[in-house]
């Protein structure tokens, strides 16, 4: 699923929601922030956090709250998610000669 982002001057920009969640989960892990801590901040259960991260849907409100928890601006999360979506190809000499 894709999240339609119409804020911070980005009108009509679609972002793969799972990429955003992946960036947030990685940052939570790096910072040692538990799902229980996230749950307390969001005022939901720990199971609710797992459900939030398990489904491919994320509201702007939740994205903003999660960005505050990890202390990373929403735009930075989006940039990281976008770079994760880019396919990188590498070619060796044999591949180049083929073309």
PDB file of N, CA and C in Angstrom:
ATOM      1  N   UNK A   1       0.843  -1.175   0.000  1.00  0.00           N
ATOM      2  CA  UNK A   1       0.000   0.000   0.000  1.00  0.00           C
ATOM      3  C   UNK A   1       0.889   1.239   0.000  1.00  0.00           C
ATOM      4  N   UNK A   2       0.378   2.286  -0.577  1.00  0.00           N
ATOM      5  CA  UNK A   2       1.099   3.544  -0.626  1.00  0.00           C
ATOM      6  C   UNK A   2       0.363   4.587   0.203  1.00  0.00           C
ATOM      7  N   UNK A   3       1.116   5.406   0.887  1.00  0.00           N
ATOM      8  CA  UNK A   3       0.551   6.484   1.676  1.00  0.00           C
ATOM      9  C   UNK A   3       0.628   7.765   0.862  1.00  0.00           C
ATOM     10  N   UNK A   4      -0.474   8.470   0.770  1.00  0.00           N
ATOM     11  CA  UNK A   4      -0.501   9.746   0.065  1.00  0.00           C
ATOM     12  C   UNK A   4      -0.061  10.822   1.038  1.00  0.00           C
ATOM     13  N   UNK A   5       1.017  11.488   0.731  1.00  0.00           N
ATOM     14  CA  UNK A   5       1.571  12.505   1.619  1.00  0.00           C
ATOM     15  C   UNK A   5       1.351  13.878   1.003  1.00  0.00           C
ATOM     16  N   UNK A   6       0.556  14.685   1.681  1.00  0.00           N
ATOM     17  CA  UNK A   6       0.269  16.032   1.194  1.00  0.00           C
ATOM     18  C   UNK A   6       0.565  17.026   2.305  1.00  0.00           C
ATOM     19  N   UNK A   7       1.831  17.127   2.661  1.00  0.00           N
ATOM     20  CA  UNK A   7       2.240  18.030   3.723  1.00  0.00           C
ATOM     21  C   UNK A   7       3.683  18.411   3.488  1.00  0.00           C
ATOM     22  N   UNK A   8       4.159  19.364   4.234  1.00  0.00           N
ATOM     23  CA  UNK A   8       5.536  19.847   4.117  1.00  0.00           C
ATOM     24  C   UNK A   8       5.897  20.187   2.669  1.00  0.00           C
ATOM     25  N   UNK A   9       4.926  20.681   1.919  1.00  0.00           N
ATOM     26  CA  UNK A   9       5.204  21.103   0.554  1.00  0.00           C
ATOM     27  C   UNK A   9       5.290  19.969  -0.443  1.00  0.00           C
ATOM     28  N   UNK A  10       4.924  18.781  -0.044  1.00  0.00           N
ATOM     29  CA  UNK A  10       4.998  17.642  -0.958  1.00  0.00           C
ATOM     30  C   UNK A  10       3.567  17.263  -1.325  1.00  0.00           C
ATOM     31  N   UNK A  11       3.023  17.922  -2.295  1.00  0.00           N
ATOM     32  CA  UNK A  11       1.641  17.671  -2.684  1.00  0.00           C
ATOM     33  C   UNK A  11       1.601  16.523  -3.686  1.00  0.00           C
ATOM     34  N   UNK A  12       0.766  15.559  -3.397  1.00  0.00           N
ATOM     35  CA  UNK A  12       0.581  14.477  -4.345  1.00  0.00           C
ATOM     36  C   UNK A  12       1.741  13.512  -4.419  1.00  0.00           C
ATOM     37  N   UNK A  13       2.452  13.320  -3.350  1.00  0.00           N
ATOM     38  CA  UNK A  13       3.612  12.433  -3.350  1.00  0.00           C
ATOM     39  C   UNK A  13       3.213  11.102  -2.725  1.00  0.00           C
ATOM     40  N   UNK A  14       3.441  10.008  -3.426  1.00  0.00           N
ATOM     41  CA  UNK A  14       3.101   8.692  -2.904  1.00  0.00           C
ATOM     42  C   UNK A  14       4.362   7.996  -2.409  1.00  0.00           C
ATOM     43  N   UNK A  15       4.252   7.364  -1.256  1.00  0.00           N
ATOM     44  CA  UNK A  15       5.390   6.681  -0.652  1.00  0.00           C
ATOM     45  C   UNK A  15       4.933   5.294  -0.226  1.00  0.00           C
ATOM     46  N   UNK A  16       5.744   4.301  -0.476  1.00  0.00           N
ATOM     47  CA  UNK A  16       5.446   2.948  -0.037  1.00  0.00           C
ATOM     48  C   UNK A  16       5.463   2.920   1.487  1.00  0.00           C
ATOM     49  N   UNK A  17       4.315   2.615   2.080  1.00  0.00           N
ATOM     50  CA  UNK A  17       4.179   2.646   3.536  1.00  0.00           C
ATOM     51  C   UNK A  17       5.116   1.667   4.214  1.00  0.00           C
ATOM     52  N   UNK A  18       5.297   0.499   3.630  1.00  0.00           N
ATOM     53  CA  UNK A  18       6.167  -0.496   4.262  1.00  0.00           C
ATOM     54  C   UNK A  18       7.606   0.002   4.349  1.00  0.00           C
ATOM     55  N   UNK A  19       8.028   0.834   3.413  1.00  0.00           N
ATOM     56  CA  UNK A  19       9.376   1.412   3.476  1.00  0.00           C
ATOM     57  C   UNK A  19       9.500   2.386   4.639  1.00  0.00           C
ATOM     58  N   UNK A  20       8.461   3.174   4.875  1.00  0.00           N
ATOM     59  CA  UNK A  20       8.465   4.100   6.008  1.00  0.00           C
ATOM     60  C   UNK A  20       8.546   3.329   7.324  1.00  0.00           C
ATOM     61  N   UNK A  21       7.738   2.282   7.438  1.00  0.00           N
ATOM     62  CA  UNK A  21       7.720   1.475   8.658  1.00  0.00           C
ATOM     63  C   UNK A  21       9.070   0.806   8.878  1.00  0.00           C
ATOM     64  N   UNK A  22       9.676   0.333   7.806  1.00  0.00           N
ATOM     65  CA  UNK A  22      10.990  -0.310   7.907  1.00  0.00           C
ATOM     66  C   UNK A  22      12.029   0.660   8.472  1.00  0.00           C
ATOM     67  N   UNK A  23      12.042   1.881   7.983  1.00  0.00           N
ATOM     68  CA  UNK A  23      12.985   2.896   8.472  1.00  0.00           C
ATOM     69  C   UNK A  23      12.750   3.160   9.954  1.00  0.00           C
ATOM     70  N   UNK A  24      11.495   3.313  10.334  1.00  0.00           N
ATOM     71  CA  UNK A  24      11.166   3.594  11.737  1.00  0.00           C
ATOM     72  C   UNK A  24      11.569   2.429  12.631  1.00  0.00           C
ATOM     73  N   UNK A  25      11.255   1.211  12.226  1.00  0.00           N
ATOM     74  CA  UNK A  25      11.609   0.038  13.029  1.00  0.00           C
ATOM     75  C   UNK A  25      13.126  -0.094  13.180  1.00  0.00           C
ATOM     76  N   UNK A  26      13.857   0.157  12.104  1.00  0.00           N
ATOM     77  CA  UNK A  26      15.326   0.096  12.176  1.00  0.00           C
ATOM     78  C   UNK A  26      15.865   1.131  13.153  1.00  0.00           C
ATOM     79  N   UNK A  27      15.308   2.325  13.113  1.00  0.00           N
ATOM     80  CA  UNK A  27      15.780   3.391  14.000  1.00  0.00           C
ATOM     81  C   UNK A  27      15.419   3.098  15.452  1.00  0.00           C
ATOM     82  N   UNK A  28      14.241   2.546  15.690  1.00  0.00           N
ATOM     83  CA  UNK A  28      13.869   2.148  17.052  1.00  0.00           C
ATOM     84  C   UNK A  28      14.881   1.150  17.600  1.00  0.00           C
ATOM     85  N   UNK A  29      15.248   0.193  16.766  1.00  0.00           N
ATOM     86  CA  UNK A  29      16.219  -0.828  17.177  1.00  0.00           C
ATOM     87  C   UNK A  29      17.578  -0.201  17.477  1.00  0.00           C
ATOM     88  N   UNK A  30      18.033   0.678  16.587  1.00  0.00           N
ATOM     89  CA  UNK A  30      19.329   1.341  16.782  1.00  0.00           C
ATOM     90  C   UNK A  30      19.363   2.155  18.071  1.00  0.00           C
ATOM     91  N   UNK A  31      18.247   2.789  18.398  1.00  0.00           N
ATOM     92  CA  UNK A  31      18.182   3.637  19.585  1.00  0.00           C
ATOM     93  C   UNK A  31      17.793   2.865  20.841  1.00  0.00           C
ATOM     94  N   UNK A  32      17.501   1.587  20.691  1.00  0.00           N
ATOM     95  CA  UNK A  32      17.135   0.772  21.844  1.00  0.00           C
ATOM     96  C   UNK A  32      15.773   1.114  22.427  1.00  0.00           C
ATOM     97  N   UNK A  33      14.885   1.595  21.588  1.00  0.00           N
ATOM     98  CA  UNK A  33      13.533   1.946  22.030  1.00  0.00           C
ATOM     99  C   UNK A  33      12.635   0.729  21.826  1.00  0.00           C
ATOM    100  N   UNK A  34      11.970   0.309  22.893  1.00  0.00           N
ATOM    101  CA  UNK A  34      11.130  -0.886  22.833  1.00  0.00           C
ATOM    102  C   UNK A  34       9.720  -0.551  22.347  1.00  0.00           C
ATOM    103  N   UNK A  35       9.014  -1.595  21.919  1.00  0.00           N
ATOM    104  CA  UNK A  35       7.623  -1.420  21.514  1.00  0.00           C
ATOM    105  C   UNK A  35       6.773  -0.964  22.697  1.00  0.00           C
ATOM    106  N   UNK A  36       7.138  -1.387  23.894  1.00  0.00           N
ATOM    107  CA  UNK A  36       6.407  -0.962  25.087  1.00  0.00           C
ATOM    108  C   UNK A  36       6.531   0.550  25.278  1.00  0.00           C
ATOM    109  N   UNK A  37       7.731   1.089  25.063  1.00  0.00           N
ATOM    110  CA  UNK A  37       7.933   2.536  25.164  1.00  0.00           C
ATOM    111  C   UNK A  37       7.143   3.277  24.085  1.00  0.00           C
ATOM    112  N   UNK A  38       7.129   2.716  22.881  1.00  0.00           N
ATOM    113  CA  UNK A  38       6.352   3.311  21.791  1.00  0.00           C
ATOM    114  C   UNK A  38       4.871   3.301  22.155  1.00  0.00           C
ATOM    115  N   UNK A  39       4.416   2.182  22.707  1.00  0.00           N
ATOM    116  CA  UNK A  39       3.010   2.046  23.099  1.00  0.00           C
ATOM    117  C   UNK A  39       2.616   3.102  24.127  1.00  0.00           C
ATOM    118  N   UNK A  40       3.464   3.313  25.105  1.00  0.00           N
ATOM    119  CA  UNK A  40       3.173   4.322  26.129  1.00  0.00           C
ATOM    120  C   UNK A  40       3.086   5.713  25.509  1.00  0.00           C
ATOM    121  N   UNK A  41       3.998   6.018  24.595  1.00  0.00           N
ATOM    122  CA  UNK A  41       4.005   7.330  23.946  1.00  0.00           C
ATOM    123  C   UNK A  41       2.745   7.534  23.101  1.00  0.00           C
ATOM    124  N   UNK A  42       2.353   6.483  22.373  1.00  0.00           N
ATOM    125  CA  UNK A  42       1.186   6.578  21.499  1.00  0.00           C
ATOM    126  C   UNK A  42      -0.131   6.357  22.243  1.00  0.00           C
ATOM    127  N   UNK A  43      -0.007   5.949  23.511  1.00  0.00           N
ATOM    128  CA  UNK A  43      -1.182   5.652  24.344  1.00  0.00           C
ATOM    129  C   UNK A  43      -2.028   4.531  23.744  1.00  0.00           C
ATOM    130  N   UNK A  44      -1.331   3.486  23.313  1.00  0.00           N
ATOM    131  CA  UNK A  44      -1.977   2.273  22.830  1.00  0.00           C
ATOM    132  C   UNK A  44      -1.268   1.089  23.472  1.00  0.00           C
ATOM    133  N   UNK A  45      -1.780  -0.101  23.251  1.00  0.00           N
ATOM    134  CA  UNK A  45      -1.149  -1.289  23.821  1.00  0.00           C
ATOM    135  C   UNK A  45       0.078  -1.683  23.005  1.00  0.00           C
ATOM    136  N   UNK A  46       0.918  -2.521  23.607  1.00  0.00           N
ATOM    137  CA  UNK A  46       2.081  -3.031  22.880  1.00  0.00           C
ATOM    138  C   UNK A  46       1.619  -3.849  21.675  1.00  0.00           C
ATOM    139  N   UNK A  47       0.530  -4.592  21.854  1.00  0.00           N
ATOM    140  CA  UNK A  47      -0.042  -5.347  20.732  1.00  0.00           C
ATOM    141  C   UNK A  47      -0.507  -4.395  19.625  1.00  0.00           C
ATOM    142  N   UNK A  48      -0.998  -3.221  20.024  1.00  0.00           N
ATOM    143  CA  UNK A  48      -1.407  -2.211  19.054  1.00  0.00           C
ATOM    144  C   UNK A  48      -0.239  -1.701  18.223  1.00  0.00           C
ATOM    145  N   UNK A  49       0.922  -1.587  18.862  1.00  0.00           N
ATOM    146  CA  UNK A  49       2.134  -1.166  18.142  1.00  0.00           C
ATOM    147  C   UNK A  49       2.516  -2.237  17.127  1.00  0.00           C
ATOM    148  N   UNK A  50       2.491  -3.487  17.558  1.00  0.00           N
ATOM    149  CA  UNK A  50       2.823  -4.588  16.645  1.00  0.00           C
ATOM    150  C   UNK A  50       1.848  -4.632  15.473  1.00  0.00           C
ATOM    151  N   UNK A  51       0.586  -4.395  15.762  1.00  0.00           N
ATOM    152  CA  UNK A  51      -0.428  -4.366  14.704  1.00  0.00           C
ATOM    153  C   UNK A  51      -0.171  -3.200  13.754  1.00  0.00           C
ATOM    154  N   UNK A  52       0.172  -2.042  14.313  1.00  0.00           N
ATOM    155  CA  UNK A  52       0.474  -0.857  13.512  1.00  0.00           C
ATOM    156  C   UNK A  52       1.623  -1.134  12.546  1.00  0.00           C
ATOM    157  N   UNK A  53       2.672  -1.776  13.051  1.00  0.00           N
ATOM    158  CA  UNK A  53       3.831  -2.068  12.214  1.00  0.00           C
ATOM    159  C   UNK A  53       3.595  -3.257  11.291  1.00  0.00           C
ATOM    160  N   UNK A  54       2.614  -4.086  11.623  1.00  0.00           N
ATOM    161  CA  UNK A  54       2.337  -5.271  10.820  1.00  0.00           C
ATOM    162  C   UNK A  54       1.465  -5.015   9.611  1.00  0.00           C
ATOM    163  N   UNK A  55       0.654  -3.963   9.682  1.00  0.00           N
ATOM    164  CA  UNK A  55      -0.199  -3.681   8.535  1.00  0.00           C
ATOM    165  C   UNK A  55       0.462  -2.627   7.658  1.00  0.00           C
ATOM    166  N   UNK A  56       0.069  -2.626   6.430  1.00  0.00           N
ATOM    167  CA  UNK A  56       0.697  -1.739   5.452  1.00  0.00           C
ATOM    168  C   UNK A  56      -0.111  -0.452   5.307  1.00  0.00           C
ATOM    169  N   UNK A  57      -0.342   0.203   6.438  1.00  0.00           N
ATOM    170  CA  UNK A  57      -1.137   1.425   6.453  1.00  0.00           C
ATOM    171  C   UNK A  57      -0.626   2.295   7.595  1.00  0.00           C
ATOM    172  N   UNK A  58      -0.398   3.546   7.321  1.00  0.00           N
ATOM    173  CA  UNK A  58       0.145   4.441   8.337  1.00  0.00           C
ATOM    174  C   UNK A  58      -0.445   5.828   8.128  1.00  0.00           C
ATOM    175  N   UNK A  59      -1.104   6.344   9.167  1.00  0.00           N
ATOM    176  CA  UNK A  59      -1.684   7.685   9.049  1.00  0.00           C
ATOM    177  C   UNK A  59      -0.596   8.737   9.240  1.00  0.00           C
ATOM    178  N   UNK A  60      -0.873   9.919   8.755  1.00  0.00           N
ATOM    179  CA  UNK A  60       0.064  11.028   8.926  1.00  0.00           C
ATOM    180  C   UNK A  60       0.269  11.325  10.403  1.00  0.00           C
ATOM    181  N   UNK A  61      -0.796  11.224  11.168  1.00  0.00           N
ATOM    182  CA  UNK A  61      -0.719  11.463  12.605  1.00  0.00           C
ATOM    183  C   UNK A  61       0.237  10.477  13.280  1.00  0.00           C
ATOM    184  N   UNK A  62       0.104   9.202  12.947  1.00  0.00           N
ATOM    185  CA  UNK A  62       0.984   8.179  13.536  1.00  0.00           C
ATOM    186  C   UNK A  62       2.424   8.371  13.059  1.00  0.00           C
ATOM    187  N   UNK A  63       2.598   8.686  11.781  1.00  0.00           N
ATOM    188  CA  UNK A  63       3.937   8.922  11.246  1.00  0.00           C
ATOM    189  C   UNK A  63       4.611  10.075  11.981  1.00  0.00           C
ATOM    190  N   UNK A  64       3.876  11.137  12.213  1.00  0.00           N
ATOM    191  CA  UNK A  64       4.417  12.289  12.933  1.00  0.00           C
ATOM    192  C   UNK A  64       4.791  11.916  14.361  1.00  0.00           C
ATOM    193  N   UNK A  65       3.917  11.176  15.035  1.00  0.00           N
ATOM    194  CA  UNK A  65       4.204  10.744  16.413  1.00  0.00           C
ATOM    195  C   UNK A  65       5.430   9.845  16.465  1.00  0.00           C
ATOM    196  N   UNK A  66       5.519   8.921  15.526  1.00  0.00           N
ATOM    197  CA  UNK A  66       6.672   8.015  15.497  1.00  0.00           C
ATOM    198  C   UNK A  66       7.961   8.779  15.213  1.00  0.00           C
ATOM    199  N   UNK A  67       7.880   9.799  14.370  1.00  0.00           N
ATOM    200  CA  UNK A  67       9.075  10.600  14.078  1.00  0.00           C
ATOM    201  C   UNK A  67       9.544  11.342  15.328  1.00  0.00           C
ATOM    202  N   UNK A  68       8.600  11.743  16.166  1.00  0.00           N
ATOM    203  CA  UNK A  68       8.950  12.422  17.414  1.00  0.00           C
ATOM    204  C   UNK A  68       9.604  11.455  18.394  1.00  0.00           C
ATOM    205  N   UNK A  69       9.123  10.223  18.424  1.00  0.00           N
ATOM    206  CA  UNK A  69       9.701   9.224  19.325  1.00  0.00           C
ATOM    207  C   UNK A  69      11.171   8.983  18.996  1.00  0.00           C
ATOM    208  N   UNK A  70      11.473   8.856  17.706  1.00  0.00           N
ATOM    209  CA  UNK A  70      12.857   8.563  17.306  1.00  0.00           C
ATOM    210  C   UNK A  70      13.667   9.835  17.078  1.00  0.00           C
ATOM    211  N   UNK A  71      13.010  10.986  17.219  1.00  0.00           N
ATOM    212  CA  UNK A  71      13.670  12.283  17.092  1.00  0.00           C
ATOM    213  C   UNK A  71      14.317  12.475  15.715  1.00  0.00           C
ATOM    214  N   UNK A  72      13.563  12.076  14.699  1.00  0.00           N
ATOM    215  CA  UNK A  72      14.001  12.260  13.317  1.00  0.00           C
ATOM    216  C   UNK A  72      12.839  12.907  12.565  1.00  0.00           C
ATOM    217  N   UNK A  73      13.079  14.006  11.867  1.00  0.00           N
ATOM    218  CA  UNK A  73      11.992  14.667  11.139  1.00  0.00           C
ATOM    219  C   UNK A  73      11.344  13.740  10.107  1.00  0.00           C
ATOM    220  N   UNK A  74      10.064  13.952   9.878  1.00  0.00           N
ATOM    221  CA  UNK A  74       9.318  13.145   8.912  1.00  0.00           C
ATOM    222  C   UNK A  74      10.001  13.163   7.546  1.00  0.00           C
ATOM    223  N   UNK A  75      10.482  14.318   7.140  1.00  0.00           N
ATOM    224  CA  UNK A  75      11.147  14.421   5.827  1.00  0.00           C
ATOM    225  C   UNK A  75      12.377  13.522   5.750  1.00  0.00           C
ATOM    226  N   UNK A  76      13.120  13.407   6.838  1.00  0.00           N
ATOM    227  CA  UNK A  76      14.303  12.540   6.853  1.00  0.00           C
ATOM    228  C   UNK A  76      13.888  11.073   6.755  1.00  0.00           C
ATOM    229  N   UNK A  77      12.825  10.709   7.456  1.00  0.00           N
ATOM    230  CA  UNK A  77      12.312   9.336   7.363  1.00  0.00           C
ATOM    231  C   UNK A  77      11.919   9.040   5.922  1.00  0.00           C
ATOM    232  N   UNK A  78      11.256  10.009   5.288  1.00  0.00           N
ATOM    233  CA  UNK A  78      10.841   9.830   3.894  1.00  0.00           C
ATOM    234  C   UNK A  78      12.042   9.678   2.966  1.00  0.00           C
ATOM    235  N   UNK A  79      13.072  10.474   3.184  1.00  0.00           N
ATOM    236  CA  UNK A  79      14.275  10.375   2.349  1.00  0.00           C
ATOM    237  C   UNK A  79      14.912   9.001   2.489  1.00  0.00           C
ATOM    238  N   UNK A  80      15.004   8.528   3.727  1.00  0.00           N
ATOM    239  CA  UNK A  80      15.591   7.206   3.956  1.00  0.00           C
ATOM    240  C   UNK A  80      14.743   6.115   3.321  1.00  0.00           C
ATOM    241  N   UNK A  81      13.434   6.237   3.451  1.00  0.00           N
ATOM    242  CA  UNK A  81      12.532   5.243   2.870  1.00  0.00           C
ATOM    243  C   UNK A  81      12.636   5.251   1.353  1.00  0.00           C
ATOM    244  N   UNK A  82      12.735   6.431   0.785  1.00  0.00           N
ATOM    245  CA  UNK A  82      12.848   6.555  -0.664  1.00  0.00           C
ATOM    246  C   UNK A  82      14.143   5.924  -1.159  1.00  0.00           C
ATOM    247  N   UNK A  83      15.238   6.133  -0.450  1.00  0.00           N
ATOM    248  CA  UNK A  83      16.509   5.549  -0.875  1.00  0.00           C
ATOM    249  C   UNK A  83      16.481   4.030  -0.744  1.00  0.00           C
ATOM    250  N   UNK A  84      15.689   3.508   0.193  1.00  0.00           N
ATOM    251  CA  UNK A  84      15.536   2.056   0.318  1.00  0.00           C
ATOM    252  C   UNK A  84      14.754   1.471  -0.845  1.00  0.00           C
ATOM    253  N   UNK A  85      13.900   2.286  -1.474  1.00  0.00           N
ATOM    254  CA  UNK A  85      13.073   1.808  -2.574  1.00  0.00           C
ATOM    255  C   UNK A  85      13.809   1.789  -3.903  1.00  0.00           C
ATOM    256  N   UNK A  86      14.928   2.459  -3.992  1.00  0.00           N
ATOM    257  CA  UNK A  86      15.668   2.554  -5.244  1.00  0.00           C
ATOM    258  C   UNK A  86      16.432   1.259  -5.484  1.00  0.00           C
ATOM    259  N   UNK A  87      16.228   0.694  -6.650  1.00  0.00           N
ATOM    260  CA  UNK A  87      16.972  -0.503  -7.019  1.00  0.00           C
ATOM    261  C   UNK A  87      18.338  -0.099  -7.552  1.00  0.00           C
ATOM    262  N   UNK A  88      19.353  -0.740  -7.040  1.00  0.00           N
ATOM    263  CA  UNK A  88      20.711  -0.448  -7.475  1.00  0.00           C
ATOM    264  C   UNK A  88      21.229  -1.652  -8.242  1.00  0.00           C
ATOM    265  N   UNK A  89      21.702  -1.399  -9.432  1.00  0.00           N
ATOM    266  CA  UNK A  89      22.244  -2.468 -10.260  1.00  0.00           C
ATOM    267  C   UNK A  89      23.737  -2.255 -10.440  1.00  0.00           C
ATOM    268  N   UNK A  90      24.458  -3.340 -10.429  1.00  0.00           N
ATOM    269  CA  UNK A  90      25.882  -3.245 -10.718  1.00  0.00           C
ATOM    270  C   UNK A  90      26.197  -4.228 -11.836  1.00  0.00           C
ATOM    271  N   UNK A  91      27.141  -3.852 -12.645  1.00  0.00           N
ATOM    272  CA  UNK A  91      27.515  -4.665 -13.785  1.00  0.00           C
ATOM    273  C   UNK A  91      29.008  -4.941 -13.739  1.00  0.00           C
ATOM    274  N   UNK A  92      29.355  -6.161 -14.068  1.00  0.00           N
ATOM    275  CA  UNK A  92      30.772  -6.457 -14.217  1.00  0.00           C
ATOM    276  C   UNK A  92      31.131  -6.299 -15.696  1.00  0.00           C
ATOM    277  N   UNK A  93      32.380  -6.509 -16.020  1.00  0.00           N
ATOM    278  CA  UNK A  93      32.853  -6.290 -17.385  1.00  0.00           C
ATOM    279  C   UNK A  93      32.115  -7.180 -18.383  1.00  0.00           C
ATOM    280  N   UNK A  94      31.824  -8.404 -18.010  1.00  0.00           N
ATOM    281  CA  UNK A  94      31.112  -9.334 -18.891  1.00  0.00           C
ATOM    282  C   UNK A  94      29.715  -8.803 -19.221  1.00  0.00           C
ATOM    283  N   UNK A  95      29.029  -8.263 -18.222  1.00  0.00           N
ATOM    284  CA  UNK A  95      27.698  -7.697 -18.446  1.00  0.00           C
ATOM    285  C   UNK A  95      27.768  -6.502 -19.384  1.00  0.00           C
ATOM    286  N   UNK A  96      28.768  -5.673 -19.191  1.00  0.00           N
ATOM    287  CA  UNK A  96      28.915  -4.471 -20.014  1.00  0.00           C
ATOM    288  C   UNK A  96      29.157  -4.850 -21.465  1.00  0.00           C
ATOM    289  N   UNK A  97      29.977  -5.860 -21.689  1.00  0.00           N
ATOM    290  CA  UNK A  97      30.260  -6.297 -23.053  1.00  0.00           C
ATOM    291  C   UNK A  97      29.011  -6.862 -23.724  1.00  0.00           C
ATOM    292  N   UNK A  98      28.133  -7.468 -22.937  1.00  0.00           N
ATOM    293  CA  UNK A  98      26.903  -8.019 -23.481  1.00  0.00           C
ATOM    294  C   UNK A  98      26.052  -6.925 -24.111  1.00  0.00           C
ATOM    295  N   UNK A  99      26.015  -5.773 -23.468  1.00  0.00           N
ATOM    296  CA  UNK A  99      25.212  -4.667 -23.981  1.00  0.00           C
ATOM    297  C   UNK A  99      25.945  -3.984 -25.107  1.00  0.00           C
TER     298      UNK A  99
END
